[in-house]
Amino acid sequence: MDNIAEGFGRESRLEFINFLGIAKGSLNEAKCQLYRALDQGLIIQEKFEELYNEAEIIAAKIAAFMIYLNKSMIKGKKFKDRT
């Protein structure tokens, strides 16, 4: 969430997309941590599946948003006056 907020705050579409990519990478790190927690018996299989599936949904939403922004002509406040 912090990466998304930072990217949005940069007021540039391309920087925002970059930070969405970083957020997606962090989400994959969290999925890896879920596997560790499961392997070490810190969470049960049902909770692992619930959280992993939720992470997959979020990853797909971030990816779809990145695709949308890549097609957008909006530049953001930082570069709005540049041609």
PDB file of N, CA and C in Angstrom:
ATOM      1  N   MET A   1       0.822  -1.182   0.000  1.00  0.00           N
ATOM      2  CA  MET A   1       0.000   0.000   0.000  1.00  0.00           C
ATOM      3  C   MET A   1       0.874   1.256   0.000  1.00  0.00           C
ATOM      4  N   ASP A   2       1.989   1.223   0.727  1.00  0.00           N
ATOM      5  CA  ASP A   2       2.869   2.384   0.782  1.00  0.00           C
ATOM      6  C   ASP A   2       3.482   2.686  -0.582  1.00  0.00           C
ATOM      7  N   ASN A   3       3.863   1.655  -1.328  1.00  0.00           N
ATOM      8  CA  ASN A   3       4.422   1.868  -2.662  1.00  0.00           C
ATOM      9  C   ASN A   3       3.402   2.516  -3.589  1.00  0.00           C
ATOM     10  N   ILE A   4       2.168   2.090  -3.492  1.00  0.00           N
ATOM     11  CA  ILE A   4       1.113   2.661  -4.330  1.00  0.00           C
ATOM     12  C   ILE A   4       0.902   4.125  -3.974  1.00  0.00           C
ATOM     13  N   ALA A   5       0.878   4.428  -2.674  1.00  0.00           N
ATOM     14  CA  ALA A   5       0.701   5.813  -2.233  1.00  0.00           C
ATOM     15  C   ALA A   5       1.865   6.685  -2.681  1.00  0.00           C
ATOM     16  N   GLU A   6       3.091   6.169  -2.562  1.00  0.00           N
ATOM     17  CA  GLU A   6       4.254   6.939  -2.985  1.00  0.00           C
ATOM     18  C   GLU A   6       4.223   7.200  -4.479  1.00  0.00           C
ATOM     19  N   GLY A   7       3.897   6.179  -5.265  1.00  0.00           N
ATOM     20  CA  GLY A   7       3.825   6.346  -6.708  1.00  0.00           C
ATOM     21  C   GLY A   7       2.765   7.346  -7.119  1.00  0.00           C
ATOM     22  N   PHE A   8       1.615   7.287  -6.470  1.00  0.00           N
ATOM     23  CA  PHE A   8       0.543   8.231  -6.766  1.00  0.00           C
ATOM     24  C   PHE A   8       0.979   9.650  -6.426  1.00  0.00           C
ATOM     25  N   GLY A   9       1.693   9.790  -5.317  1.00  0.00           N
ATOM     26  CA  GLY A   9       2.139  11.102  -4.871  1.00  0.00           C
ATOM     27  C   GLY A   9       3.173  11.732  -5.778  1.00  0.00           C
ATOM     28  N   ARG A  10       3.798  10.959  -6.635  1.00  0.00           N
ATOM     29  CA  ARG A  10       4.792  11.503  -7.565  1.00  0.00           C
ATOM     30  C   ARG A  10       4.149  12.302  -8.693  1.00  0.00           C
ATOM     31  N   GLU A  11       2.845  12.163  -8.851  1.00  0.00           N
ATOM     32  CA  GLU A  11       2.057  12.931  -9.826  1.00  0.00           C
ATOM     33  C   GLU A  11       2.519  12.724 -11.264  1.00  0.00           C
ATOM     34  N   SER A  12       2.971  11.522 -11.562  1.00  0.00           N
ATOM     35  CA  SER A  12       3.380  11.165 -12.910  1.00  0.00           C
ATOM     36  C   SER A  12       2.822   9.781 -13.215  1.00  0.00           C
ATOM     37  N   ARG A  13       2.152   9.649 -14.334  1.00  0.00           N
ATOM     38  CA  ARG A  13       1.564   8.365 -14.699  1.00  0.00           C
ATOM     39  C   ARG A  13       2.618   7.276 -14.781  1.00  0.00           C
ATOM     40  N   LEU A  14       3.753   7.564 -15.421  1.00  0.00           N
ATOM     41  CA  LEU A  14       4.779   6.538 -15.586  1.00  0.00           C
ATOM     42  C   LEU A  14       5.419   6.147 -14.254  1.00  0.00           C
ATOM     43  N   GLU A  15       5.648   7.114 -13.392  1.00  0.00           N
ATOM     44  CA  GLU A  15       6.187   6.775 -12.073  1.00  0.00           C
ATOM     45  C   GLU A  15       5.172   5.981 -11.265  1.00  0.00           C
ATOM     46  N   PHE A  16       3.907   6.334 -11.391  1.00  0.00           N
ATOM     47  CA  PHE A  16       2.858   5.595 -10.693  1.00  0.00           C
ATOM     48  C   PHE A  16       2.851   4.142 -11.157  1.00  0.00           C
ATOM     49  N   ILE A  17       2.947   3.931 -12.454  1.00  0.00           N
ATOM     50  CA  ILE A  17       2.984   2.565 -12.990  1.00  0.00           C
ATOM     51  C   ILE A  17       4.193   1.816 -12.431  1.00  0.00           C
ATOM     52  N   ASN A  18       5.325   2.491 -12.377  1.00  0.00           N
ATOM     53  CA  ASN A  18       6.532   1.869 -11.832  1.00  0.00           C
ATOM     54  C   ASN A  18       6.313   1.431 -10.380  1.00  0.00           C
ATOM     55  N   PHE A  19       5.724   2.288  -9.577  1.00  0.00           N
ATOM     56  CA  PHE A  19       5.501   1.951  -8.180  1.00  0.00           C
ATOM     57  C   PHE A  19       4.420   0.885  -8.018  1.00  0.00           C
ATOM     58  N   LEU A  20       3.472   0.837  -8.936  1.00  0.00           N
ATOM     59  CA  LEU A  20       2.519  -0.278  -8.909  1.00  0.00           C
ATOM     60  C   LEU A  20       3.259  -1.591  -9.145  1.00  0.00           C
ATOM     61  N   GLY A  21       4.239  -1.576 -10.026  1.00  0.00           N
ATOM     62  CA  GLY A  21       5.059  -2.764 -10.258  1.00  0.00           C
ATOM     63  C   GLY A  21       5.830  -3.167  -9.012  1.00  0.00           C
ATOM     64  N   ILE A  22       6.353  -2.188  -8.299  1.00  0.00           N
ATOM     65  CA  ILE A  22       7.051  -2.475  -7.051  1.00  0.00           C
ATOM     66  C   ILE A  22       6.080  -3.070  -6.036  1.00  0.00           C
ATOM     67  N   ALA A  23       4.881  -2.512  -5.963  1.00  0.00           N
ATOM     68  CA  ALA A  23       3.870  -3.039  -5.041  1.00  0.00           C
ATOM     69  C   ALA A  23       3.512  -4.480  -5.390  1.00  0.00           C
ATOM     70  N   LYS A  24       3.427  -4.765  -6.682  1.00  0.00           N
ATOM     71  CA  LYS A  24       3.122  -6.130  -7.122  1.00  0.00           C
ATOM     72  C   LYS A  24       4.260  -7.077  -6.730  1.00  0.00           C
ATOM     73  N   GLY A  25       5.493  -6.614  -6.838  1.00  0.00           N
ATOM     74  CA  GLY A  25       6.624  -7.413  -6.397  1.00  0.00           C
ATOM     75  C   GLY A  25       6.583  -7.670  -4.899  1.00  0.00           C
ATOM     76  N   SER A  26       6.219  -6.668  -4.131  1.00  0.00           N
ATOM     77  CA  SER A  26       6.092  -6.831  -2.685  1.00  0.00           C
ATOM     78  C   SER A  26       4.982  -7.822  -2.345  1.00  0.00           C
ATOM     79  N   LEU A  27       3.937  -7.812  -3.126  1.00  0.00           N
ATOM     80  CA  LEU A  27       2.858  -8.769  -2.929  1.00  0.00           C
ATOM     81  C   LEU A  27       3.350 -10.192  -3.154  1.00  0.00           C
ATOM     82  N   ASN A  28       4.203 -10.376  -4.152  1.00  0.00           N
ATOM     83  CA  ASN A  28       4.782 -11.700  -4.381  1.00  0.00           C
ATOM     84  C   ASN A  28       5.689 -12.119  -3.229  1.00  0.00           C
ATOM     85  N   GLU A  29       6.385 -11.166  -2.625  1.00  0.00           N
ATOM     86  CA  GLU A  29       7.177 -11.474  -1.433  1.00  0.00           C
ATOM     87  C   GLU A  29       6.262 -11.948  -0.298  1.00  0.00           C
ATOM     88  N   ALA A  30       5.123 -11.286  -0.143  1.00  0.00           N
ATOM     89  CA  ALA A  30       4.174 -11.685   0.899  1.00  0.00           C
ATOM     90  C   ALA A  30       3.642 -13.094   0.642  1.00  0.00           C
ATOM     91  N   LYS A  31       3.414 -13.422  -0.625  1.00  0.00           N
ATOM     92  CA  LYS A  31       2.963 -14.785  -0.959  1.00  0.00           C
ATOM     93  C   LYS A  31       4.028 -15.808  -0.579  1.00  0.00           C
ATOM     94  N   CYS A  32       5.279 -15.465  -0.785  1.00  0.00           N
ATOM     95  CA  CYS A  32       6.384 -16.334  -0.387  1.00  0.00           C
ATOM     96  C   CYS A  32       6.390 -16.525   1.134  1.00  0.00           C
ATOM     97  N   GLN A  33       6.132 -15.455   1.856  1.00  0.00           N
ATOM     98  CA  GLN A  33       6.077 -15.545   3.319  1.00  0.00           C
ATOM     99  C   GLN A  33       4.924 -16.437   3.770  1.00  0.00           C
ATOM    100  N   LEU A  34       3.853 -16.438   3.021  1.00  0.00           N
ATOM    101  CA  LEU A  34       2.746 -17.336   3.345  1.00  0.00           C
ATOM    102  C   LEU A  34       3.186 -18.796   3.262  1.00  0.00           C
ATOM    103  N   TYR A  35       3.957 -19.125   2.238  1.00  0.00           N
ATOM    104  CA  TYR A  35       4.479 -20.484   2.125  1.00  0.00           C
ATOM    105  C   TYR A  35       5.367 -20.829   3.321  1.00  0.00           C
ATOM    106  N   ARG A  36       6.211 -19.885   3.735  1.00  0.00           N
ATOM    107  CA  ARG A  36       7.061 -20.131   4.896  1.00  0.00           C
ATOM    108  C   ARG A  36       6.228 -20.377   6.147  1.00  0.00           C
ATOM    109  N   ALA A  37       5.218 -19.530   6.325  1.00  0.00           N
ATOM    110  CA  ALA A  37       4.358 -19.676   7.506  1.00  0.00           C
ATOM    111  C   ALA A  37       3.653 -21.026   7.502  1.00  0.00           C
ATOM    112  N   LEU A  38       3.203 -21.451   6.334  1.00  0.00           N
ATOM    113  CA  LEU A  38       2.539 -22.749   6.226  1.00  0.00           C
ATOM    114  C   LEU A  38       3.524 -23.877   6.513  1.00  0.00           C
ATOM    115  N   ASP A  39       4.706 -23.808   5.904  1.00  0.00           N
ATOM    116  CA  ASP A  39       5.719 -24.854   6.103  1.00  0.00           C
ATOM    117  C   ASP A  39       6.163 -24.967   7.553  1.00  0.00           C
ATOM    118  N   GLN A  40       6.170 -23.852   8.269  1.00  0.00           N
ATOM    119  CA  GLN A  40       6.602 -23.864   9.662  1.00  0.00           C
ATOM    120  C   GLN A  40       5.453 -24.105  10.634  1.00  0.00           C
ATOM    121  N   GLY A  41       4.262 -24.333  10.096  1.00  0.00           N
ATOM    122  CA  GLY A  41       3.107 -24.627  10.941  1.00  0.00           C
ATOM    123  C   GLY A  41       2.543 -23.430  11.670  1.00  0.00           C
ATOM    124  N   LEU A  42       2.827 -22.239  11.174  1.00  0.00           N
ATOM    125  CA  LEU A  42       2.326 -21.025  11.817  1.00  0.00           C
ATOM    126  C   LEU A  42       0.903 -20.681  11.403  1.00  0.00           C
ATOM    127  N   ILE A  43       0.484 -21.190  10.246  1.00  0.00           N
ATOM    128  CA  ILE A  43      -0.901 -21.021   9.807  1.00  0.00           C
ATOM    129  C   ILE A  43      -1.400 -22.362   9.282  1.00  0.00           C
ATOM    130  N   ILE A  44      -2.709 -22.510   9.300  1.00  0.00           N
ATOM    131  CA  ILE A  44      -3.299 -23.750   8.785  1.00  0.00           C
ATOM    132  C   ILE A  44      -3.533 -23.621   7.281  1.00  0.00           C
ATOM    133  N   GLN A  45      -3.703 -24.745   6.622  1.00  0.00           N
ATOM    134  CA  GLN A  45      -3.871 -24.791   5.168  1.00  0.00           C
ATOM    135  C   GLN A  45      -5.022 -23.915   4.695  1.00  0.00           C
ATOM    136  N   GLU A  46      -6.138 -23.931   5.412  1.00  0.00           N
ATOM    137  CA  GLU A  46      -7.308 -23.152   4.998  1.00  0.00           C
ATOM    138  C   GLU A  46      -7.008 -21.654   5.010  1.00  0.00           C
ATOM    139  N   LYS A  47      -6.302 -21.193   6.048  1.00  0.00           N
ATOM    140  CA  LYS A  47      -5.958 -19.773   6.138  1.00  0.00           C
ATOM    141  C   LYS A  47      -4.948 -19.406   5.043  1.00  0.00           C
ATOM    142  N   PHE A  48      -3.990 -20.306   4.800  1.00  0.00           N
ATOM    143  CA  PHE A  48      -3.032 -20.091   3.728  1.00  0.00           C
ATOM    144  C   PHE A  48      -3.753 -19.897   2.403  1.00  0.00           C
ATOM    145  N   GLU A  49      -4.666 -20.801   2.085  1.00  0.00           N
ATOM    146  CA  GLU A  49      -5.393 -20.728   0.814  1.00  0.00           C
ATOM    147  C   GLU A  49      -6.214 -19.454   0.715  1.00  0.00           C
ATOM    148  N   GLU A  50      -6.849 -19.060   1.809  1.00  0.00           N
ATOM    149  CA  GLU A  50      -7.649 -17.836   1.816  1.00  0.00           C
ATOM    150  C   GLU A  50      -6.778 -16.619   1.520  1.00  0.00           C
ATOM    151  N   LEU A  51      -5.656 -16.501   2.220  1.00  0.00           N
ATOM    152  CA  LEU A  51      -4.780 -15.353   2.039  1.00  0.00           C
ATOM    153  C   LEU A  51      -4.085 -15.375   0.678  1.00  0.00           C
ATOM    154  N   TYR A  52      -3.672 -16.549   0.240  1.00  0.00           N
ATOM    155  CA  TYR A  52      -3.012 -16.676  -1.051  1.00  0.00           C
ATOM    156  C   TYR A  52      -3.969 -16.297  -2.186  1.00  0.00           C
ATOM    157  N   ASN A  53      -5.193 -16.773  -2.112  1.00  0.00           N
ATOM    158  CA  ASN A  53      -6.192 -16.438  -3.131  1.00  0.00           C
ATOM    159  C   ASN A  53      -6.495 -14.939  -3.147  1.00  0.00           C
ATOM    160  N   GLU A  54      -6.546 -14.339  -1.966  1.00  0.00           N
ATOM    161  CA  GLU A  54      -6.778 -12.899  -1.896  1.00  0.00           C
ATOM    162  C   GLU A  54      -5.603 -12.149  -2.528  1.00  0.00           C
ATOM    163  N   ALA A  55      -4.388 -12.613  -2.282  1.00  0.00           N
ATOM    164  CA  ALA A  55      -3.206 -11.996  -2.881  1.00  0.00           C
ATOM    165  C   ALA A  55      -3.247 -12.128  -4.397  1.00  0.00           C
ATOM    166  N   GLU A  56      -3.696 -13.247  -4.903  1.00  0.00           N
ATOM    167  CA  GLU A  56      -3.810 -13.447  -6.351  1.00  0.00           C
ATOM    168  C   GLU A  56      -4.806 -12.463  -6.968  1.00  0.00           C
ATOM    169  N   ILE A  57      -5.916 -12.246  -6.289  1.00  0.00           N
ATOM    170  CA  ILE A  57      -6.930 -11.304  -6.769  1.00  0.00           C
ATOM    171  C   ILE A  57      -6.357  -9.887  -6.795  1.00  0.00           C
ATOM    172  N   ILE A  58      -5.661  -9.524  -5.727  1.00  0.00           N
ATOM    173  CA  ILE A  58      -5.059  -8.185  -5.662  1.00  0.00           C
ATOM    174  C   ILE A  58      -4.014  -8.020  -6.757  1.00  0.00           C
ATOM    175  N   ALA A  59      -3.188  -9.039  -6.982  1.00  0.00           N
ATOM    176  CA  ALA A  59      -2.171  -8.980  -8.036  1.00  0.00           C
ATOM    177  C   ALA A  59      -2.819  -8.775  -9.401  1.00  0.00           C
ATOM    178  N   ALA A  60      -3.904  -9.459  -9.656  1.00  0.00           N
ATOM    179  CA  ALA A  60      -4.602  -9.315 -10.935  1.00  0.00           C
ATOM    180  C   ALA A  60      -5.180  -7.909 -11.080  1.00  0.00           C
ATOM    181  N   LYS A  61      -5.684  -7.348  -9.994  1.00  0.00           N
ATOM    182  CA  LYS A  61      -6.228  -5.987 -10.046  1.00  0.00           C
ATOM    183  C   LYS A  61      -5.132  -4.964 -10.295  1.00  0.00           C
ATOM    184  N   ILE A  62      -3.988  -5.143  -9.639  1.00  0.00           N
ATOM    185  CA  ILE A  62      -2.869  -4.233  -9.875  1.00  0.00           C
ATOM    186  C   ILE A  62      -2.422  -4.326 -11.330  1.00  0.00           C
ATOM    187  N   ALA A  63      -2.299  -5.543 -11.853  1.00  0.00           N
ATOM    188  CA  ALA A  63      -1.878  -5.737 -13.246  1.00  0.00           C
ATOM    189  C   ALA A  63      -2.863  -5.087 -14.209  1.00  0.00           C
ATOM    190  N   ALA A  64      -4.150  -5.251 -13.960  1.00  0.00           N
ATOM    191  CA  ALA A  64      -5.163  -4.649 -14.821  1.00  0.00           C
ATOM    192  C   ALA A  64      -5.088  -3.124 -14.765  1.00  0.00           C
ATOM    193  N   PHE A  65      -4.848  -2.588 -13.594  1.00  0.00           N
ATOM    194  CA  PHE A  65      -4.720  -1.134 -13.439  1.00  0.00           C
ATOM    195  C   PHE A  65      -3.495  -0.634 -14.184  1.00  0.00           C
ATOM    196  N   MET A  66      -2.401  -1.375 -14.120  1.00  0.00           N
ATOM    197  CA  MET A  66      -1.187  -1.005 -14.851  1.00  0.00           C
ATOM    198  C   MET A  66      -1.446  -0.995 -16.357  1.00  0.00           C
ATOM    199  N   ILE A  67      -2.160  -1.983 -16.856  1.00  0.00           N
ATOM    200  CA  ILE A  67      -2.500  -2.045 -18.284  1.00  0.00           C
ATOM    201  C   ILE A  67      -3.350  -0.833 -18.669  1.00  0.00           C
ATOM    202  N   TYR A  68      -4.336  -0.525 -17.842  1.00  0.00           N
ATOM    203  CA  TYR A  68      -5.184   0.647 -18.097  1.00  0.00           C
ATOM    204  C   TYR A  68      -4.343   1.924 -18.155  1.00  0.00           C
ATOM    205  N   LEU A  69      -3.477   2.107 -17.164  1.00  0.00           N
ATOM    206  CA  LEU A  69      -2.670   3.320 -17.115  1.00  0.00           C
ATOM    207  C   LEU A  69      -1.695   3.401 -18.292  1.00  0.00           C
ATOM    208  N   ASN A  70      -1.177   2.268 -18.727  1.00  0.00           N
ATOM    209  CA  ASN A  70      -0.267   2.258 -19.877  1.00  0.00           C
ATOM    210  C   ASN A  70      -0.975   2.688 -21.158  1.00  0.00           C
ATOM    211  N   LYS A  71      -2.263   2.468 -21.249  1.00  0.00           N
ATOM    212  CA  LYS A  71      -3.037   2.863 -22.429  1.00  0.00           C
ATOM    213  C   LYS A  71      -3.561   4.295 -22.325  1.00  0.00           C
ATOM    214  N   SER A  72      -3.507   4.853 -21.131  1.00  0.00           N
ATOM    215  CA  SER A  72      -4.063   6.177 -20.878  1.00  0.00           C
ATOM    216  C   SER A  72      -3.178   7.278 -21.463  1.00  0.00           C
ATOM    217  N   MET A  73      -3.788   8.334 -21.916  1.00  0.00           N
ATOM    218  CA  MET A  73      -3.063   9.495 -22.431  1.00  0.00           C
ATOM    219  C   MET A  73      -2.781  10.501 -21.320  1.00  0.00           C
ATOM    220  N   ILE A  74      -3.341  10.285 -20.150  1.00  0.00           N
ATOM    221  CA  ILE A  74      -3.130  11.192 -19.024  1.00  0.00           C
ATOM    222  C   ILE A  74      -1.672  11.094 -18.582  1.00  0.00           C
ATOM    223  N   LYS A  75      -1.012  12.238 -18.446  1.00  0.00           N
ATOM    224  CA  LYS A  75       0.399  12.243 -18.069  1.00  0.00           C
ATOM    225  C   LYS A  75       0.592  12.447 -16.570  1.00  0.00           C
ATOM    226  N   GLY A  76      -0.381  13.053 -15.914  1.00  0.00           N
ATOM    227  CA  GLY A  76      -0.232  13.409 -14.510  1.00  0.00           C
ATOM    228  C   GLY A  76       0.177  14.866 -14.388  1.00  0.00           C
ATOM    229  N   LYS A  77       0.053  15.417 -13.200  1.00  0.00           N
ATOM    230  CA  LYS A  77       0.331  16.836 -12.975  1.00  0.00           C
ATOM    231  C   LYS A  77       1.780  17.200 -13.276  1.00  0.00           C
ATOM    232  N   LYS A  78       2.690  16.288 -12.974  1.00  0.00           N
ATOM    233  CA  LYS A  78       4.110  16.593 -13.111  1.00  0.00           C
ATOM    234  C   LYS A  78       4.490  16.915 -14.555  1.00  0.00           C
ATOM    235  N   PHE A  79       3.899  16.210 -15.521  1.00  0.00           N
ATOM    236  CA  PHE A  79       4.274  16.376 -16.918  1.00  0.00           C
ATOM    237  C   PHE A  79       3.130  16.835 -17.809  1.00  0.00           C
ATOM    238  N   LYS A  80       2.082  17.386 -17.231  1.00  0.00           N
ATOM    239  CA  LYS A  80       0.892  17.724 -18.025  1.00  0.00           C
ATOM    240  C   LYS A  80       1.151  18.780 -19.083  1.00  0.00           C
ATOM    241  N   ASP A  81       2.120  19.644 -18.865  1.00  0.00           N
ATOM    242  CA  ASP A  81       2.375  20.721 -19.821  1.00  0.00           C
ATOM    243  C   ASP A  81       3.445  20.368 -20.843  1.00  0.00           C
ATOM    244  N   ARG A  82       3.997  19.192 -20.747  1.00  0.00           N
ATOM    245  CA  ARG A  82       5.035  18.754 -21.716  1.00  0.00           C
ATOM    246  C   ARG A  82       4.377  18.096 -22.915  1.00  0.00           C
ATOM    247  N   THR A  83       4.968  18.272 -24.068  1.00  0.00           N
ATOM    248  CA  THR A  83       4.413  17.647 -25.268  1.00  0.00           C
ATOM    249  C   THR A  83       5.182  16.421 -25.653  1.00  0.00           C
TER     250      THR A  83
END
